[in-house]
Protein backbone atom coordinates (compact mmCIF):
# COMPACT_ATOMS: atom_id res chain seq x y z
CA MET A 1 -81.43 -145.12 63.91
CA ARG A 2 -79.08 -147.94 63.90
CA ARG A 3 -76.70 -149.58 66.34
CA THR A 4 -73.83 -151.92 65.76
CA ASN A 5 -74.57 -155.49 66.73
CA SER A 6 -71.30 -156.84 68.23
CA SER A 7 -72.71 -160.23 68.30
CA GLN A 8 -72.41 -160.84 64.57
CA THR A 9 -69.14 -161.63 62.81
CA ASP A 10 -69.40 -158.77 60.51
CA PRO A 11 -68.43 -155.53 62.41
CA LEU A 12 -70.16 -153.36 59.70
CA GLN A 13 -73.46 -155.20 60.09
CA ALA A 14 -76.13 -153.11 62.03
CA ASP A 15 -79.59 -153.60 63.64
CA TYR A 16 -82.33 -151.12 63.74
CA LEU A 17 -83.28 -149.65 67.35
CA THR A 18 -86.75 -149.81 65.99
CA LYS A 19 -88.80 -150.99 63.10
CA ILE A 20 -92.46 -149.82 62.80
CA LEU A 21 -94.63 -151.64 60.11
CA PHE A 22 -97.82 -149.92 58.86
CA THR A 23 -99.85 -152.38 56.61
CA LYS A 24 -102.75 -150.19 55.37
CA ALA A 25 -101.16 -146.63 55.67
CA HIS A 26 -98.22 -144.62 54.34
CA CYS A 27 -96.41 -142.12 56.23
CA LEU A 28 -96.77 -138.90 54.33
CA CYS A 29 -94.99 -136.41 56.87
CA HIS A 30 -93.25 -136.25 60.02
CA ASP A 31 -91.88 -133.72 62.41
CA VAL A 32 -89.38 -133.62 65.31
CA ASN A 33 -90.30 -131.06 68.03
CA LYS A 34 -87.12 -129.17 68.51
CA VAL A 35 -88.47 -127.34 71.63
CA THR A 36 -88.94 -130.38 73.58
CA LYS A 37 -85.95 -132.40 72.12
CA SER A 38 -83.21 -133.34 74.72
CA ALA A 39 -80.47 -136.00 75.09
CA THR A 40 -83.12 -138.10 76.95
CA HIS A 41 -86.36 -137.27 74.96
CA ILE A 42 -87.66 -136.77 71.48
CA ASP A 43 -91.13 -136.02 70.20
CA VAL A 44 -91.76 -137.26 66.76
CA VAL A 45 -95.17 -136.67 65.20
CA MET A 46 -96.12 -138.63 61.96
CA GLY A 47 -99.13 -138.15 59.65
CA PHE A 48 -100.39 -141.04 57.56
CA SER A 49 -102.50 -141.39 54.34
CA THR A 50 -105.49 -142.89 56.25
CA GLY A 51 -105.68 -139.50 58.31
CA GLU A 52 -104.21 -140.85 61.44
CA ILE A 53 -101.62 -139.03 63.45
CA ILE A 54 -99.06 -140.77 65.74
CA TRP A 55 -96.91 -139.39 68.40
CA TRP A 56 -93.69 -141.44 68.83
CA GLU A 57 -91.05 -141.14 71.39
CA PRO A 58 -88.14 -143.30 70.11
CA ILE A 59 -86.06 -143.40 73.17
CA THR A 60 -88.58 -144.87 75.39
CA GLN A 61 -90.49 -146.62 72.64
CA ARG A 62 -93.68 -145.03 73.71
CA TYR A 63 -96.40 -144.15 71.08
CA THR A 64 -100.01 -142.65 70.86
CA ARG A 65 -102.36 -142.85 67.97
CA LEU A 66 -104.13 -139.53 68.14
CA ASN A 67 -106.56 -139.59 65.33
CA LYS A 68 -107.48 -143.33 65.49
CA ASN A 69 -110.05 -144.81 62.98
CA VAL A 70 -110.77 -141.38 61.61
CA ARG A 71 -113.10 -141.11 58.45
CA PRO A 72 -111.87 -138.69 56.17
CA HIS A 73 -114.24 -135.96 54.98
CA PRO A 74 -115.58 -136.27 51.48
CA PRO A 75 -114.22 -133.72 48.97
CA PRO A 76 -116.10 -130.60 48.81
CA PRO A 77 -118.49 -130.23 45.67
CA PRO A 78 -117.10 -128.57 42.75
CA PRO A 79 -117.92 -124.73 42.60
CA THR A 80 -120.91 -123.79 40.70
CA THR A 81 -120.50 -121.61 37.79
CA GLN A 82 -123.02 -118.77 37.02
CA THR A 83 -123.60 -117.88 33.47
CA ASP A 84 -124.77 -114.44 32.38
CA GLN A 85 -127.89 -115.51 30.74
CA PRO A 86 -130.74 -113.16 30.57
CA ARG A 87 -133.84 -114.06 32.50
CA ALA A 88 -137.06 -114.44 30.72
C-alpha cells in the first residue's frame, strides 16, 4: 500500500499510506473479506500473538480492537495415562 510522493526529488521514492506499529504483539494472521470488498471499502481482520483481534478498514483508516486485553487460557493439562496394573 504505497503511493508516490511527488514532493520528493526522486520519482521512485514512495510513502506508505498507513504505518501501524504494535510494540508488544506480533501479527500472526490476517484476512481480507472478499464478500464485503469494493472500490470504496475493504474489511481486514488481523490476529495477534497476544490474542487480540483487530478489524481495520484501510481506506477510511478506521479500526476496532475486538478482543482487547484478553487473557489467554492456560494450556490444558497433559492427558493422563492409565496403566494396566492389576489391583490388589
